[in-house]
PDB file of N, CA and C in Angstrom:
ATOM      1  N   MET A   1      15.249 -22.867 -20.649  1.00  0.00           N
ATOM      2  CA  MET A   1      16.304 -22.410 -19.773  1.00  0.00           C
ATOM      3  C   MET A   1      16.764 -23.579 -18.921  1.00  0.00           C
ATOM      4  N   THR A   2      18.062 -23.769 -18.840  1.00  0.00           N
ATOM      5  CA  THR A   2      18.582 -24.826 -17.983  1.00  0.00           C
ATOM      6  C   THR A   2      18.991 -24.238 -16.659  1.00  0.00           C
ATOM      7  N   GLN A   3      18.850 -25.027 -15.644  1.00  0.00           N
ATOM      8  CA  GLN A   3      19.161 -24.579 -14.297  1.00  0.00           C
ATOM      9  C   GLN A   3      20.527 -25.130 -13.914  1.00  0.00           C
ATOM     10  N   VAL A   4      21.383 -24.282 -13.389  1.00  0.00           N
ATOM     11  CA  VAL A   4      22.694 -24.712 -12.935  1.00  0.00           C
ATOM     12  C   VAL A   4      22.523 -25.602 -11.728  1.00  0.00           C
ATOM     13  N   ALA A   5      23.215 -26.735 -11.721  1.00  0.00           N
ATOM     14  CA  ALA A   5      23.095 -27.681 -10.612  1.00  0.00           C
ATOM     15  C   ALA A   5      23.980 -27.249  -9.451  1.00  0.00           C
ATOM     16  N   PHE A   6      23.372 -26.997  -8.316  1.00  0.00           N
ATOM     17  CA  PHE A   6      24.090 -26.683  -7.099  1.00  0.00           C
ATOM     18  C   PHE A   6      23.905 -27.843  -6.143  1.00  0.00           C
ATOM     19  N   ILE A   7      24.704 -27.864  -5.096  1.00  0.00           N
ATOM     20  CA  ILE A   7      24.610 -28.931  -4.101  1.00  0.00           C
ATOM     21  C   ILE A   7      23.180 -29.058  -3.594  1.00  0.00           C
ATOM     22  N   TRP A   8      22.514 -27.920  -3.406  1.00  0.00           N
ATOM     23  CA  TRP A   8      21.174 -27.914  -2.827  1.00  0.00           C
ATOM     24  C   TRP A   8      20.077 -27.963  -3.880  1.00  0.00           C
ATOM     25  N   ASP A   9      20.430 -28.181  -5.125  1.00  0.00           N
ATOM     26  CA  ASP A   9      19.446 -28.175  -6.206  1.00  0.00           C
ATOM     27  C   ASP A   9      18.688 -29.496  -6.238  1.00  0.00           C
ATOM     28  N   VAL A  10      17.497 -29.496  -5.680  1.00  0.00           N
ATOM     29  CA  VAL A  10      16.691 -30.714  -5.601  1.00  0.00           C
ATOM     30  C   VAL A  10      16.349 -31.253  -6.986  1.00  0.00           C
ATOM     31  N   CYS A  11      16.219 -30.387  -7.956  1.00  0.00           N
ATOM     32  CA  CYS A  11      15.882 -30.828  -9.312  1.00  0.00           C
ATOM     33  C   CYS A  11      16.988 -31.705  -9.881  1.00  0.00           C
ATOM     34  N   ALA A  12      18.216 -31.284  -9.691  1.00  0.00           N
ATOM     35  CA  ALA A  12      19.341 -32.054 -10.213  1.00  0.00           C
ATOM     36  C   ALA A  12      19.614 -33.274  -9.342  1.00  0.00           C
ATOM     37  N   ALA A  13      19.543 -33.079  -8.028  1.00  0.00           N
ATOM     38  CA  ALA A  13      19.903 -34.146  -7.102  1.00  0.00           C
ATOM     39  C   ALA A  13      18.910 -35.302  -7.107  1.00  0.00           C
ATOM     40  N   LYS A  14      17.627 -34.985  -7.148  1.00  0.00           N
ATOM     41  CA  LYS A  14      16.617 -36.036  -7.030  1.00  0.00           C
ATOM     42  C   LYS A  14      15.926 -36.380  -8.335  1.00  0.00           C
ATOM     43  N   HIS A  15      15.862 -35.428  -9.245  1.00  0.00           N
ATOM     44  CA  HIS A  15      15.052 -35.649 -10.439  1.00  0.00           C
ATOM     45  C   HIS A  15      15.833 -35.534 -11.742  1.00  0.00           C
ATOM     46  N   GLY A  16      17.150 -35.461 -11.647  1.00  0.00           N
ATOM     47  CA  GLY A  16      17.984 -35.440 -12.844  1.00  0.00           C
ATOM     48  C   GLY A  16      17.725 -34.256 -13.753  1.00  0.00           C
ATOM     49  N   GLY A  17      17.237 -33.143 -13.210  1.00  0.00           N
ATOM     50  CA  GLY A  17      16.987 -31.953 -14.016  1.00  0.00           C
ATOM     51  C   GLY A  17      15.705 -32.012 -14.827  1.00  0.00           C
ATOM     52  N   ASP A  18      14.781 -32.873 -14.456  1.00  0.00           N
ATOM     53  CA  ASP A  18      13.511 -33.003 -15.153  1.00  0.00           C
ATOM     54  C   ASP A  18      12.824 -31.641 -15.307  1.00  0.00           C
ATOM     55  N   ARG A  19      12.307 -31.336 -16.491  1.00  0.00           N
ATOM     56  CA  ARG A  19      11.685 -30.028 -16.769  1.00  0.00           C
ATOM     57  C   ARG A  19      10.560 -29.684 -15.805  1.00  0.00           C
ATOM     58  N   GLN A  20       9.705 -30.659 -15.510  1.00  0.00           N
ATOM     59  CA  GLN A  20       8.581 -30.399 -14.613  1.00  0.00           C
ATOM     60  C   GLN A  20       9.080 -30.086 -13.201  1.00  0.00           C
ATOM     61  N   SER A  21      10.127 -30.772 -12.775  1.00  0.00           N
ATOM     62  CA  SER A  21      10.696 -30.507 -11.467  1.00  0.00           C
ATOM     63  C   SER A  21      11.284 -29.104 -11.417  1.00  0.00           C
ATOM     64  N   VAL A  22      12.005 -28.718 -12.455  1.00  0.00           N
ATOM     65  CA  VAL A  22      12.587 -27.373 -12.525  1.00  0.00           C
ATOM     66  C   VAL A  22      11.483 -26.318 -12.508  1.00  0.00           C
ATOM     67  N   ALA A  23      10.416 -26.555 -13.261  1.00  0.00           N
ATOM     68  CA  ALA A  23       9.316 -25.592 -13.330  1.00  0.00           C
ATOM     69  C   ALA A  23       8.610 -25.439 -11.980  1.00  0.00           C
ATOM     70  N   ALA A  24       8.524 -26.519 -11.218  1.00  0.00           N
ATOM     71  CA  ALA A  24       7.825 -26.486  -9.938  1.00  0.00           C
ATOM     72  C   ALA A  24       8.699 -25.937  -8.806  1.00  0.00           C
ATOM     73  N   ASN A  25       9.999 -25.951  -9.020  1.00  0.00           N
ATOM     74  CA  ASN A  25      10.929 -25.525  -7.980  1.00  0.00           C
ATOM     75  C   ASN A  25      11.070 -24.005  -7.974  1.00  0.00           C
ATOM     76  N   PRO A  26      11.135 -23.386  -6.780  1.00  0.00           N
ATOM     77  CA  PRO A  26      11.307 -21.928  -6.727  1.00  0.00           C
ATOM     78  C   PRO A  26      12.580 -21.502  -7.460  1.00  0.00           C
ATOM     79  N   SER A  27      12.580 -20.315  -7.979  1.00  0.00           N
ATOM     80  CA  SER A  27      13.739 -19.840  -8.730  1.00  0.00           C
ATOM     81  C   SER A  27      14.978 -19.768  -7.849  1.00  0.00           C
ATOM     82  N   ARG A  28      16.128 -19.879  -8.487  1.00  0.00           N
ATOM     83  CA  ARG A  28      17.391 -19.786  -7.759  1.00  0.00           C
ATOM     84  C   ARG A  28      17.516 -18.423  -7.088  1.00  0.00           C
ATOM     85  N   VAL A  29      17.033 -17.374  -7.754  1.00  0.00           N
ATOM     86  CA  VAL A  29      17.109 -16.032  -7.176  1.00  0.00           C
ATOM     87  C   VAL A  29      16.282 -15.951  -5.895  1.00  0.00           C
ATOM     88  N   ALA A  30      15.075 -16.506  -5.929  1.00  0.00           N
ATOM     89  CA  ALA A  30      14.219 -16.494  -4.742  1.00  0.00           C
ATOM     90  C   ALA A  30      14.868 -17.272  -3.603  1.00  0.00           C
ATOM     91  N   LYS A  31      15.497 -18.390  -3.932  1.00  0.00           N
ATOM     92  CA  LYS A  31      16.171 -19.176  -2.896  1.00  0.00           C
ATOM     93  C   LYS A  31      17.327 -18.392  -2.304  1.00  0.00           C
ATOM     94  N   ARG A  32      18.110 -17.742  -3.156  1.00  0.00           N
ATOM     95  CA  ARG A  32      19.247 -16.962  -2.664  1.00  0.00           C
ATOM     96  C   ARG A  32      18.771 -15.820  -1.766  1.00  0.00           C
ATOM     97  N   MET A  33      17.681 -15.181  -2.157  1.00  0.00           N
ATOM     98  CA  MET A  33      17.147 -14.088  -1.340  1.00  0.00           C
ATOM     99  C   MET A  33      16.710 -14.608   0.023  1.00  0.00           C
ATOM    100  N   MET A  34      16.102 -15.786   0.042  1.00  0.00           N
ATOM    101  CA  MET A  34      15.679 -16.368   1.312  1.00  0.00           C
ATOM    102  C   MET A  34      16.893 -16.817   2.129  1.00  0.00           C
ATOM    103  N   HIS A  35      17.954 -17.319   1.456  1.00  0.00           N
ATOM    104  CA  HIS A  35      19.188 -17.657   2.169  1.00  0.00           C
ATOM    105  C   HIS A  35      19.724 -16.427   2.897  1.00  0.00           C
ATOM    106  N   VAL A  36      19.745 -15.292   2.212  1.00  0.00           N
ATOM    107  CA  VAL A  36      20.243 -14.047   2.801  1.00  0.00           C
ATOM    108  C   VAL A  36      19.382 -13.653   3.998  1.00  0.00           C
ATOM    109  N   ALA A  37      18.063 -13.774   3.846  1.00  0.00           N
ATOM    110  CA  ALA A  37      17.163 -13.420   4.948  1.00  0.00           C
ATOM    111  C   ALA A  37      17.392 -14.331   6.154  1.00  0.00           C
ATOM    112  N   VAL A  38      17.534 -15.618   5.914  1.00  0.00           N
ATOM    113  CA  VAL A  38      17.772 -16.574   7.004  1.00  0.00           C
ATOM    114  C   VAL A  38      19.107 -16.266   7.685  1.00  0.00           C
ATOM    115  N   LEU A  39      20.138 -16.020   6.887  1.00  0.00           N
ATOM    116  CA  LEU A  39      21.443 -15.696   7.464  1.00  0.00           C
ATOM    117  C   LEU A  39      21.387 -14.395   8.263  1.00  0.00           C
ATOM    118  N   GLY A  40      20.567 -13.457   7.804  1.00  0.00           N
ATOM    119  CA  GLY A  40      20.397 -12.209   8.536  1.00  0.00           C
ATOM    120  C   GLY A  40      19.823 -12.436   9.923  1.00  0.00           C
ATOM    121  N   VAL A  41      18.843 -13.319  10.006  1.00  0.00           N
ATOM    122  CA  VAL A  41      18.258 -13.647  11.317  1.00  0.00           C
ATOM    123  C   VAL A  41      19.288 -14.374  12.172  1.00  0.00           C
ATOM    124  N   LEU A  42      19.997 -15.336  11.570  1.00  0.00           N
ATOM    125  CA  LEU A  42      20.974 -16.109  12.332  1.00  0.00           C
ATOM    126  C   LEU A  42      22.151 -15.257  12.801  1.00  0.00           C
ATOM    127  N   ALA A  43      22.390 -14.140  12.149  1.00  0.00           N
ATOM    128  CA  ALA A  43      23.476 -13.248  12.565  1.00  0.00           C
ATOM    129  C   ALA A  43      23.175 -12.603  13.916  1.00  0.00           C
ATOM    130  N   THR A  44      21.898 -12.619  14.313  1.00  0.00           N
ATOM    131  CA  THR A  44      21.504 -12.001  15.575  1.00  0.00           C
ATOM    132  C   THR A  44      21.410 -12.993  16.719  1.00  0.00           C
ATOM    133  N   GLY A  45      21.579 -14.298  16.444  1.00  0.00           N
ATOM    134  CA  GLY A  45      21.515 -15.311  17.496  1.00  0.00           C
ATOM    135  C   GLY A  45      21.231 -16.679  16.935  1.00  0.00           C
ATOM    136  N   ASP A  46      21.125 -17.650  17.824  1.00  0.00           N
ATOM    137  CA  ASP A  46      20.807 -19.022  17.436  1.00  0.00           C
ATOM    138  C   ASP A  46      19.303 -19.227  17.509  1.00  0.00           C
ATOM    139  N   PHE A  47      18.721 -19.671  16.416  1.00  0.00           N
ATOM    140  CA  PHE A  47      17.273 -19.867  16.348  1.00  0.00           C
ATOM    141  C   PHE A  47      16.959 -21.175  15.649  1.00  0.00           C
ATOM    142  N   THR A  48      15.836 -21.768  15.988  1.00  0.00           N
ATOM    143  CA  THR A  48      15.343 -22.937  15.272  1.00  0.00           C
ATOM    144  C   THR A  48      14.716 -22.463  13.964  1.00  0.00           C
ATOM    145  N   ALA A  49      14.462 -23.404  13.066  1.00  0.00           N
ATOM    146  CA  ALA A  49      13.800 -23.061  11.807  1.00  0.00           C
ATOM    147  C   ALA A  49      12.427 -22.443  12.076  1.00  0.00           C
ATOM    148  N   ALA A  50      11.720 -22.957  13.063  1.00  0.00           N
ATOM    149  CA  ALA A  50      10.394 -22.413  13.406  1.00  0.00           C
ATOM    150  C   ALA A  50      10.510 -20.973  13.895  1.00  0.00           C
ATOM    151  N   GLU A  51      11.529 -20.688  14.693  1.00  0.00           N
ATOM    152  CA  GLU A  51      11.727 -19.320  15.173  1.00  0.00           C
ATOM    153  C   GLU A  51      12.114 -18.378  14.037  1.00  0.00           C
ATOM    154  N   ILE A  52      12.946 -18.858  13.119  1.00  0.00           N
ATOM    155  CA  ILE A  52      13.327 -18.048  11.957  1.00  0.00           C
ATOM    156  C   ILE A  52      12.092 -17.741  11.123  1.00  0.00           C
ATOM    157  N   ALA A  53      11.262 -18.757  10.900  1.00  0.00           N
ATOM    158  CA  ALA A  53      10.031 -18.572  10.130  1.00  0.00           C
ATOM    159  C   ALA A  53       9.145 -17.514  10.772  1.00  0.00           C
ATOM    160  N   ALA A  54       9.009 -17.578  12.079  1.00  0.00           N
ATOM    161  CA  ALA A  54       8.178 -16.603  12.792  1.00  0.00           C
ATOM    162  C   ALA A  54       8.752 -15.198  12.655  1.00  0.00           C
ATOM    163  N   LYS A  55      10.066 -15.057  12.793  1.00  0.00           N
ATOM    164  CA  LYS A  55      10.704 -13.749  12.671  1.00  0.00           C
ATOM    165  C   LYS A  55      10.558 -13.166  11.271  1.00  0.00           C
ATOM    166  N   LEU A  56      10.579 -14.039  10.251  1.00  0.00           N
ATOM    167  CA  LEU A  56      10.463 -13.578   8.868  1.00  0.00           C
ATOM    168  C   LEU A  56       9.011 -13.512   8.390  1.00  0.00           C
ATOM    169  N   GLY A  57       8.085 -14.004   9.221  1.00  0.00           N
ATOM    170  CA  GLY A  57       6.678 -14.004   8.829  1.00  0.00           C
ATOM    171  C   GLY A  57       6.393 -14.941   7.664  1.00  0.00           C
ATOM    172  N   ARG A  58       7.103 -16.049   7.633  1.00  0.00           N
ATOM    173  CA  ARG A  58       6.966 -17.030   6.550  1.00  0.00           C
ATOM    174  C   ARG A  58       6.537 -18.378   7.133  1.00  0.00           C
ATOM    175  N   PRO A  59       5.881 -19.212   6.323  1.00  0.00           N
ATOM    176  CA  PRO A  59       5.537 -20.563   6.801  1.00  0.00           C
ATOM    177  C   PRO A  59       6.818 -21.384   7.037  1.00  0.00           C
ATOM    178  N   LEU A  60       6.770 -22.258   8.007  1.00  0.00           N
ATOM    179  CA  LEU A  60       7.928 -23.088   8.354  1.00  0.00           C
ATOM    180  C   LEU A  60       8.457 -23.855   7.139  1.00  0.00           C
ATOM    181  N   HIS A  61       7.554 -24.398   6.322  1.00  0.00           N
ATOM    182  CA  HIS A  61       8.026 -25.219   5.197  1.00  0.00           C
ATOM    183  C   HIS A  61       8.842 -24.419   4.182  1.00  0.00           C
ATOM    184  N   THR A  62       8.704 -23.099   4.160  1.00  0.00           N
ATOM    185  CA  THR A  62       9.506 -22.299   3.235  1.00  0.00           C
ATOM    186  C   THR A  62      10.878 -21.981   3.806  1.00  0.00           C
ATOM    187  N   ILE A  63      11.038 -22.161   5.098  1.00  0.00           N
ATOM    188  CA  ILE A  63      12.300 -21.858   5.769  1.00  0.00           C
ATOM    189  C   ILE A  63      13.125 -23.115   6.010  1.00  0.00           C
ATOM    190  N   SER A  64      12.488 -24.203   6.366  1.00  0.00           N
ATOM    191  CA  SER A  64      13.239 -25.399   6.744  1.00  0.00           C
ATOM    192  C   SER A  64      14.124 -25.909   5.609  1.00  0.00           C
ATOM    193  N   GLY A  65      13.647 -25.827   4.388  1.00  0.00           N
ATOM    194  CA  GLY A  65      14.462 -26.246   3.246  1.00  0.00           C
ATOM    195  C   GLY A  65      15.669 -25.358   3.051  1.00  0.00           C
ATOM    196  N   ARG A  66      15.484 -24.054   3.255  1.00  0.00           N
ATOM    197  CA  ARG A  66      16.610 -23.122   3.101  1.00  0.00           C
ATOM    198  C   ARG A  66      17.644 -23.347   4.202  1.00  0.00           C
ATOM    199  N   VAL A  67      17.182 -23.655   5.414  1.00  0.00           N
ATOM    200  CA  VAL A  67      18.108 -23.942   6.510  1.00  0.00           C
ATOM    201  C   VAL A  67      18.902 -25.200   6.173  1.00  0.00           C
ATOM    202  N   SER A  68      18.249 -26.212   5.656  1.00  0.00           N
ATOM    203  CA  SER A  68      18.953 -27.457   5.273  1.00  0.00           C
ATOM    204  C   SER A  68      19.985 -27.183   4.181  1.00  0.00           C
ATOM    205  N   GLU A  69      19.614 -26.359   3.210  1.00  0.00           N
ATOM    206  CA  GLU A  69      20.552 -26.020   2.135  1.00  0.00           C
ATOM    207  C   GLU A  69      21.776 -25.290   2.674  1.00  0.00           C
ATOM    208  N   LEU A  70      21.537 -24.346   3.585  1.00  0.00           N
ATOM    209  CA  LEU A  70      22.654 -23.605   4.166  1.00  0.00           C
ATOM    210  C   LEU A  70      23.548 -24.509   5.010  1.00  0.00           C
ATOM    211  N   ARG A  71      22.956 -25.441   5.716  1.00  0.00           N
ATOM    212  CA  ARG A  71      23.760 -26.382   6.499  1.00  0.00           C
ATOM    213  C   ARG A  71      24.636 -27.243   5.595  1.00  0.00           C
ATOM    214  N   ALA A  72      24.085 -27.634   4.456  1.00  0.00           N
ATOM    215  CA  ALA A  72      24.833 -28.472   3.513  1.00  0.00           C
ATOM    216  C   ALA A  72      26.041 -27.739   2.933  1.00  0.00           C
ATOM    217  N   LEU A  73      25.929 -26.419   2.852  1.00  0.00           N
ATOM    218  CA  LEU A  73      27.041 -25.632   2.329  1.00  0.00           C
ATOM    219  C   LEU A  73      28.154 -25.554   3.338  1.00  0.00           C
TER     220      LEU A  73
END
């Protein structure tokens, strides 16, 4: 399966679509779901990535990348 290259696609941007990179990277669906969750929190106010992570009950490292991707968009 090939992965569609998006602006925030680290596999395409940094690794040229390498199979191992694609396999290690979270699915596009999971990323989109997390984007929606992050945007849902941000719809209620201005929060740091750490605050968003706490509100969603997720580790900071799983949120900070999604925040960066959303900013890039």
